[in-house]
Amino acid sequence: MNAQELRDKTPDQLREELTNLKKEAFNLRFQQATGQLENTARMRDVKRAVARVNTVLNEKASAAAE
């Protein structure tokens, strides 16, 4: 999901997306620890998606504060 799609969402939707991504990251870490992870690049994608959602949430919060 790109940043523009995230900017179109409400803060509640973004928090829900963030929760889902963090759960996925946890599951991927668990799979890696047990040796079951097949697509290691997915971990990188999820980390970046979490950062992207956090960035958009912070942008929205700072815009609301102004």
PDB file of N, CA and C in Angstrom:
ATOM      1  N   MET A   1       0.848  -1.173   0.000  1.00  0.00           N
ATOM      2  CA  MET A   1       0.000   0.000   0.000  1.00  0.00           C
ATOM      3  C   MET A   1       0.896   1.238   0.000  1.00  0.00           C
ATOM      4  N   ASN A   2       0.628   2.161  -0.893  1.00  0.00           N
ATOM      5  CA  ASN A   2       1.487   3.335  -0.973  1.00  0.00           C
ATOM      6  C   ASN A   2       0.983   4.448  -0.046  1.00  0.00           C
ATOM      7  N   ALA A   3       1.778   5.488   0.097  1.00  0.00           N
ATOM      8  CA  ALA A   3       1.483   6.549   1.049  1.00  0.00           C
ATOM      9  C   ALA A   3       0.219   7.312   0.670  1.00  0.00           C
ATOM     10  N   GLN A   4      -0.036   7.477  -0.603  1.00  0.00           N
ATOM     11  CA  GLN A   4      -1.227   8.221  -1.017  1.00  0.00           C
ATOM     12  C   GLN A   4      -2.498   7.483  -0.605  1.00  0.00           C
ATOM     13  N   GLU A   5      -2.515   6.185  -0.739  1.00  0.00           N
ATOM     14  CA  GLU A   5      -3.672   5.398  -0.302  1.00  0.00           C
ATOM     15  C   GLU A   5      -3.852   5.519   1.211  1.00  0.00           C
ATOM     16  N   LEU A   6      -2.755   5.570   1.938  1.00  0.00           N
ATOM     17  CA  LEU A   6      -2.842   5.705   3.389  1.00  0.00           C
ATOM     18  C   LEU A   6      -3.342   7.086   3.791  1.00  0.00           C
ATOM     19  N   ARG A   7      -2.953   8.111   3.051  1.00  0.00           N
ATOM     20  CA  ARG A   7      -3.398   9.467   3.380  1.00  0.00           C
ATOM     21  C   ARG A   7      -4.900   9.643   3.176  1.00  0.00           C
ATOM     22  N   ASP A   8      -5.494   8.808   2.343  1.00  0.00           N
ATOM     23  CA  ASP A   8      -6.926   8.888   2.106  1.00  0.00           C
ATOM     24  C   ASP A   8      -7.738   8.241   3.219  1.00  0.00           C
ATOM     25  N   LYS A   9      -7.093   7.490   4.094  1.00  0.00           N
ATOM     26  CA  LYS A   9      -7.792   6.788   5.168  1.00  0.00           C
ATOM     27  C   LYS A   9      -7.917   7.681   6.405  1.00  0.00           C
ATOM     28  N   THR A  10      -8.874   7.325   7.259  1.00  0.00           N
ATOM     29  CA  THR A  10      -9.050   8.045   8.521  1.00  0.00           C
ATOM     30  C   THR A  10      -8.023   7.545   9.532  1.00  0.00           C
ATOM     31  N   PRO A  11      -7.790   8.319  10.588  1.00  0.00           N
ATOM     32  CA  PRO A  11      -6.838   7.862  11.614  1.00  0.00           C
ATOM     33  C   PRO A  11      -7.237   6.529  12.247  1.00  0.00           C
ATOM     34  N   ASP A  12      -8.529   6.287  12.423  1.00  0.00           N
ATOM     35  CA  ASP A  12      -8.958   5.001  12.991  1.00  0.00           C
ATOM     36  C   ASP A  12      -8.618   3.842  12.055  1.00  0.00           C
ATOM     37  N   GLN A  13      -8.820   4.048  10.764  1.00  0.00           N
ATOM     38  CA  GLN A  13      -8.474   3.007   9.793  1.00  0.00           C
ATOM     39  C   GLN A  13      -6.971   2.774   9.778  1.00  0.00           C
ATOM     40  N   LEU A  14      -6.197   3.848   9.934  1.00  0.00           N
ATOM     41  CA  LEU A  14      -4.740   3.717   9.954  1.00  0.00           C
ATOM     42  C   LEU A  14      -4.280   2.946  11.186  1.00  0.00           C
ATOM     43  N   ARG A  15      -4.899   3.202  12.333  1.00  0.00           N
ATOM     44  CA  ARG A  15      -4.527   2.467  13.541  1.00  0.00           C
ATOM     45  C   ARG A  15      -4.866   0.985  13.395  1.00  0.00           C
ATOM     46  N   GLU A  16      -5.980   0.697  12.765  1.00  0.00           N
ATOM     47  CA  GLU A  16      -6.352  -0.698  12.531  1.00  0.00           C
ATOM     48  C   GLU A  16      -5.348  -1.369  11.589  1.00  0.00           C
ATOM     49  N   GLU A  17      -4.956  -0.651  10.544  1.00  0.00           N
ATOM     50  CA  GLU A  17      -3.949  -1.161   9.602  1.00  0.00           C
ATOM     51  C   GLU A  17      -2.623  -1.398  10.325  1.00  0.00           C
ATOM     52  N   LEU A  18      -2.257  -0.483  11.210  1.00  0.00           N
ATOM     53  CA  LEU A  18      -1.018  -0.615  11.972  1.00  0.00           C
ATOM     54  C   LEU A  18      -1.059  -1.857  12.864  1.00  0.00           C
ATOM     55  N   THR A  19      -2.188  -2.094  13.493  1.00  0.00           N
ATOM     56  CA  THR A  19      -2.339  -3.281  14.341  1.00  0.00           C
ATOM     57  C   THR A  19      -2.178  -4.554  13.521  1.00  0.00           C
ATOM     58  N   ASN A  20      -2.814  -4.582  12.354  1.00  0.00           N
ATOM     59  CA  ASN A  20      -2.710  -5.760  11.490  1.00  0.00           C
ATOM     60  C   ASN A  20      -1.269  -5.997  11.036  1.00  0.00           C
ATOM     61  N   LEU A  21      -0.582  -4.923  10.679  1.00  0.00           N
ATOM     62  CA  LEU A  21       0.804  -5.055  10.234  1.00  0.00           C
ATOM     63  C   LEU A  21       1.716  -5.534  11.358  1.00  0.00           C
ATOM     64  N   LYS A  22       1.486  -5.040  12.567  1.00  0.00           N
ATOM     65  CA  LYS A  22       2.315  -5.471  13.690  1.00  0.00           C
ATOM     66  C   LYS A  22       2.074  -6.943  14.015  1.00  0.00           C
ATOM     67  N   LYS A  23       0.834  -7.398  13.888  1.00  0.00           N
ATOM     68  CA  LYS A  23       0.545  -8.814  14.093  1.00  0.00           C
ATOM     69  C   LYS A  23       1.250  -9.657  13.040  1.00  0.00           C
ATOM     70  N   GLU A  24       1.224  -9.173  11.798  1.00  0.00           N
ATOM     71  CA  GLU A  24       1.898  -9.902  10.724  1.00  0.00           C
ATOM     72  C   GLU A  24       3.407  -9.945  10.961  1.00  0.00           C
ATOM     73  N   ALA A  25       3.974  -8.829  11.413  1.00  0.00           N
ATOM     74  CA  ALA A  25       5.407  -8.791  11.701  1.00  0.00           C
ATOM     75  C   ALA A  25       5.760  -9.783  12.807  1.00  0.00           C
ATOM     76  N   PHE A  26       4.910  -9.864  13.825  1.00  0.00           N
ATOM     77  CA  PHE A  26       5.149 -10.826  14.902  1.00  0.00           C
ATOM     78  C   PHE A  26       5.137 -12.250  14.359  1.00  0.00           C
ATOM     79  N   ASN A  27       4.137 -12.559  13.532  1.00  0.00           N
ATOM     80  CA  ASN A  27       4.045 -13.901  12.964  1.00  0.00           C
ATOM     81  C   ASN A  27       5.247 -14.224  12.085  1.00  0.00           C
ATOM     82  N   LEU A  28       5.711 -13.246  11.330  1.00  0.00           N
ATOM     83  CA  LEU A  28       6.884 -13.462  10.482  1.00  0.00           C
ATOM     84  C   LEU A  28       8.139 -13.709  11.316  1.00  0.00           C
ATOM     85  N   ARG A  29       8.292 -12.960  12.409  1.00  0.00           N
ATOM     86  CA  ARG A  29       9.442 -13.178  13.291  1.00  0.00           C
ATOM     87  C   ARG A  29       9.381 -14.570  13.908  1.00  0.00           C
ATOM     88  N   PHE A  30       8.187 -14.986  14.279  1.00  0.00           N
ATOM     89  CA  PHE A  30       8.013 -16.323  14.864  1.00  0.00           C
ATOM     90  C   PHE A  30       8.377 -17.392  13.841  1.00  0.00           C
ATOM     91  N   GLN A  31       7.926 -17.218  12.600  1.00  0.00           N
ATOM     92  CA  GLN A  31       8.247 -18.180  11.552  1.00  0.00           C
ATOM     93  C   GLN A  31       9.748 -18.226  11.297  1.00  0.00           C
ATOM     94  N   GLN A  32      10.388 -17.069  11.327  1.00  0.00           N
ATOM     95  CA  GLN A  32      11.828 -17.039  11.094  1.00  0.00           C
ATOM     96  C   GLN A  32      12.573 -17.769  12.215  1.00  0.00           C
ATOM     97  N   ALA A  33      12.121 -17.584  13.437  1.00  0.00           N
ATOM     98  CA  ALA A  33      12.787 -18.222  14.577  1.00  0.00           C
ATOM     99  C   ALA A  33      12.648 -19.738  14.525  1.00  0.00           C
ATOM    100  N   THR A  34      11.538 -20.208  13.981  1.00  0.00           N
ATOM    101  CA  THR A  34      11.326 -21.656  13.921  1.00  0.00           C
ATOM    102  C   THR A  34      11.800 -22.250  12.599  1.00  0.00           C
ATOM    103  N   GLY A  35      12.323 -21.419  11.717  1.00  0.00           N
ATOM    104  CA  GLY A  35      12.848 -21.914  10.454  1.00  0.00           C
ATOM    105  C   GLY A  35      11.794 -22.199   9.407  1.00  0.00           C
ATOM    106  N   GLN A  36      10.606 -21.648   9.554  1.00  0.00           N
ATOM    107  CA  GLN A  36       9.520 -21.902   8.618  1.00  0.00           C
ATOM    108  C   GLN A  36       9.300 -20.770   7.623  1.00  0.00           C
ATOM    109  N   LEU A  37      10.044 -19.689   7.760  1.00  0.00           N
ATOM    110  CA  LEU A  37       9.843 -18.529   6.897  1.00  0.00           C
ATOM    111  C   LEU A  37      10.420 -18.793   5.515  1.00  0.00           C
ATOM    112  N   GLU A  38       9.575 -18.678   4.502  1.00  0.00           N
ATOM    113  CA  GLU A  38      10.020 -18.924   3.126  1.00  0.00           C
ATOM    114  C   GLU A  38      10.403 -17.628   2.419  1.00  0.00           C
ATOM    115  N   ASN A  39       9.588 -16.580   2.601  1.00  0.00           N
ATOM    116  CA  ASN A  39       9.829 -15.327   1.902  1.00  0.00           C
ATOM    117  C   ASN A  39      10.389 -14.307   2.894  1.00  0.00           C
ATOM    118  N   THR A  40      11.715 -14.240   2.985  1.00  0.00           N
ATOM    119  CA  THR A  40      12.330 -13.346   3.961  1.00  0.00           C
ATOM    120  C   THR A  40      12.163 -11.879   3.584  1.00  0.00           C
ATOM    121  N   ALA A  41      11.930 -11.592   2.331  1.00  0.00           N
ATOM    122  CA  ALA A  41      11.750 -10.205   1.899  1.00  0.00           C
ATOM    123  C   ALA A  41      10.447  -9.616   2.440  1.00  0.00           C
ATOM    124  N   ARG A  42       9.511 -10.476   2.803  1.00  0.00           N
ATOM    125  CA  ARG A  42       8.226  -9.990   3.333  1.00  0.00           C
ATOM    126  C   ARG A  42       8.434  -9.263   4.653  1.00  0.00           C
ATOM    127  N   MET A  43       9.420  -9.677   5.442  1.00  0.00           N
ATOM    128  CA  MET A  43       9.696  -8.997   6.715  1.00  0.00           C
ATOM    129  C   MET A  43      10.079  -7.543   6.465  1.00  0.00           C
ATOM    130  N   ARG A  44      10.897  -7.325   5.468  1.00  0.00           N
ATOM    131  CA  ARG A  44      11.325  -5.976   5.130  1.00  0.00           C
ATOM    132  C   ARG A  44      10.138  -5.135   4.662  1.00  0.00           C
ATOM    133  N   ASP A  45       9.281  -5.733   3.850  1.00  0.00           N
ATOM    134  CA  ASP A  45       8.110  -5.019   3.353  1.00  0.00           C
ATOM    135  C   ASP A  45       7.173  -4.616   4.492  1.00  0.00           C
ATOM    136  N   VAL A  46       6.990  -5.513   5.439  1.00  0.00           N
ATOM    137  CA  VAL A  46       6.095  -5.229   6.561  1.00  0.00           C
ATOM    138  C   VAL A  46       6.684  -4.136   7.446  1.00  0.00           C
ATOM    139  N   LYS A  47       7.985  -4.193   7.701  1.00  0.00           N
ATOM    140  CA  LYS A  47       8.623  -3.148   8.507  1.00  0.00           C
ATOM    141  C   LYS A  47       8.453  -1.771   7.854  1.00  0.00           C
ATOM    142  N   ARG A  48       8.631  -1.726   6.555  1.00  0.00           N
ATOM    143  CA  ARG A  48       8.492  -0.461   5.847  1.00  0.00           C
ATOM    144  C   ARG A  48       7.049   0.023   5.838  1.00  0.00           C
ATOM    145  N   ALA A  49       6.108  -0.910   5.737  1.00  0.00           N
ATOM    146  CA  ALA A  49       4.693  -0.539   5.771  1.00  0.00           C
ATOM    147  C   ALA A  49       4.324   0.022   7.142  1.00  0.00           C
ATOM    148  N   VAL A  50       4.859  -0.569   8.205  1.00  0.00           N
ATOM    149  CA  VAL A  50       4.612  -0.046   9.554  1.00  0.00           C
ATOM    150  C   VAL A  50       5.153   1.381   9.658  1.00  0.00           C
ATOM    151  N   ALA A  51       6.342   1.595   9.171  1.00  0.00           N
ATOM    152  CA  ALA A  51       6.943   2.929   9.218  1.00  0.00           C
ATOM    153  C   ALA A  51       6.121   3.919   8.394  1.00  0.00           C
ATOM    154  N   ARG A  52       5.634   3.472   7.254  1.00  0.00           N
ATOM    155  CA  ARG A  52       4.830   4.328   6.388  1.00  0.00           C
ATOM    156  C   ARG A  52       3.525   4.741   7.081  1.00  0.00           C
ATOM    157  N   VAL A  53       2.869   3.781   7.738  1.00  0.00           N
ATOM    158  CA  VAL A  53       1.621   4.087   8.444  1.00  0.00           C
ATOM    159  C   VAL A  53       1.898   5.041   9.603  1.00  0.00           C
ATOM    160  N   ASN A  54       2.975   4.804  10.341  1.00  0.00           N
ATOM    161  CA  ASN A  54       3.321   5.706  11.442  1.00  0.00           C
ATOM    162  C   ASN A  54       3.600   7.113  10.941  1.00  0.00           C
ATOM    163  N   THR A  55       4.259   7.230   9.816  1.00  0.00           N
ATOM    164  CA  THR A  55       4.556   8.539   9.248  1.00  0.00           C
ATOM    165  C   THR A  55       3.274   9.280   8.891  1.00  0.00           C
ATOM    166  N   VAL A  56       2.345   8.596   8.254  1.00  0.00           N
ATOM    167  CA  VAL A  56       1.092   9.228   7.861  1.00  0.00           C
ATOM    168  C   VAL A  56       0.280   9.605   9.088  1.00  0.00           C
ATOM    169  N   LEU A  57       0.275   8.760  10.118  1.00  0.00           N
ATOM    170  CA  LEU A  57      -0.422   9.101  11.358  1.00  0.00           C
ATOM    171  C   LEU A  57       0.175  10.356  12.002  1.00  0.00           C
ATOM    172  N   ASN A  58       1.489  10.443  11.997  1.00  0.00           N
ATOM    173  CA  ASN A  58       2.148  11.624  12.568  1.00  0.00           C
ATOM    174  C   ASN A  58       1.851  12.877  11.738  1.00  0.00           C
ATOM    175  N   GLU A  59       1.797  12.736  10.436  1.00  0.00           N
ATOM    176  CA  GLU A  59       1.455  13.867   9.571  1.00  0.00           C
ATOM    177  C   GLU A  59       0.051  14.366   9.892  1.00  0.00           C
ATOM    178  N   LYS A  60      -0.873  13.442  10.034  1.00  0.00           N
ATOM    179  CA  LYS A  60      -2.256  13.804  10.331  1.00  0.00           C
ATOM    180  C   LYS A  60      -2.365  14.456  11.711  1.00  0.00           C
ATOM    181  N   ALA A  61      -1.609  13.940  12.673  1.00  0.00           N
ATOM    182  CA  ALA A  61      -1.646  14.509  14.018  1.00  0.00           C
ATOM    183  C   ALA A  61      -1.077  15.931  14.046  1.00  0.00           C
ATOM    184  N   SER A  62       0.003  16.143  13.323  1.00  0.00           N
ATOM    185  CA  SER A  62       0.600  17.488  13.306  1.00  0.00           C
ATOM    186  C   SER A  62      -0.278  18.466  12.533  1.00  0.00           C
ATOM    187  N   ALA A  63      -0.956  17.986  11.501  1.00  0.00           N
ATOM    188  CA  ALA A  63      -1.866  18.848  10.748  1.00  0.00           C
ATOM    189  C   ALA A  63      -3.070  19.225  11.605  1.00  0.00           C
ATOM    190  N   ALA A  64      -3.535  18.305  12.438  1.00  0.00           N
ATOM    191  CA  ALA A  64      -4.677  18.585  13.314  1.00  0.00           C
ATOM    192  C   ALA A  64      -4.281  19.552  14.428  1.00  0.00           C
ATOM    193  N   ALA A  65      -3.020  19.518  14.844  1.00  0.00           N
ATOM    194  CA  ALA A  65      -2.550  20.385  15.923  1.00  0.00           C
ATOM    195  C   ALA A  65      -2.396  21.830  15.453  1.00  0.00           C
ATOM    196  N   GLU A  66      -2.229  22.031  14.191  1.00  0.00           N
ATOM    197  CA  GLU A  66      -2.020  23.399  13.677  1.00  0.00           C
ATOM    198  C   GLU A  66      -3.265  24.174  13.561  1.00  0.00           C
TER     199      GLU A  66
END
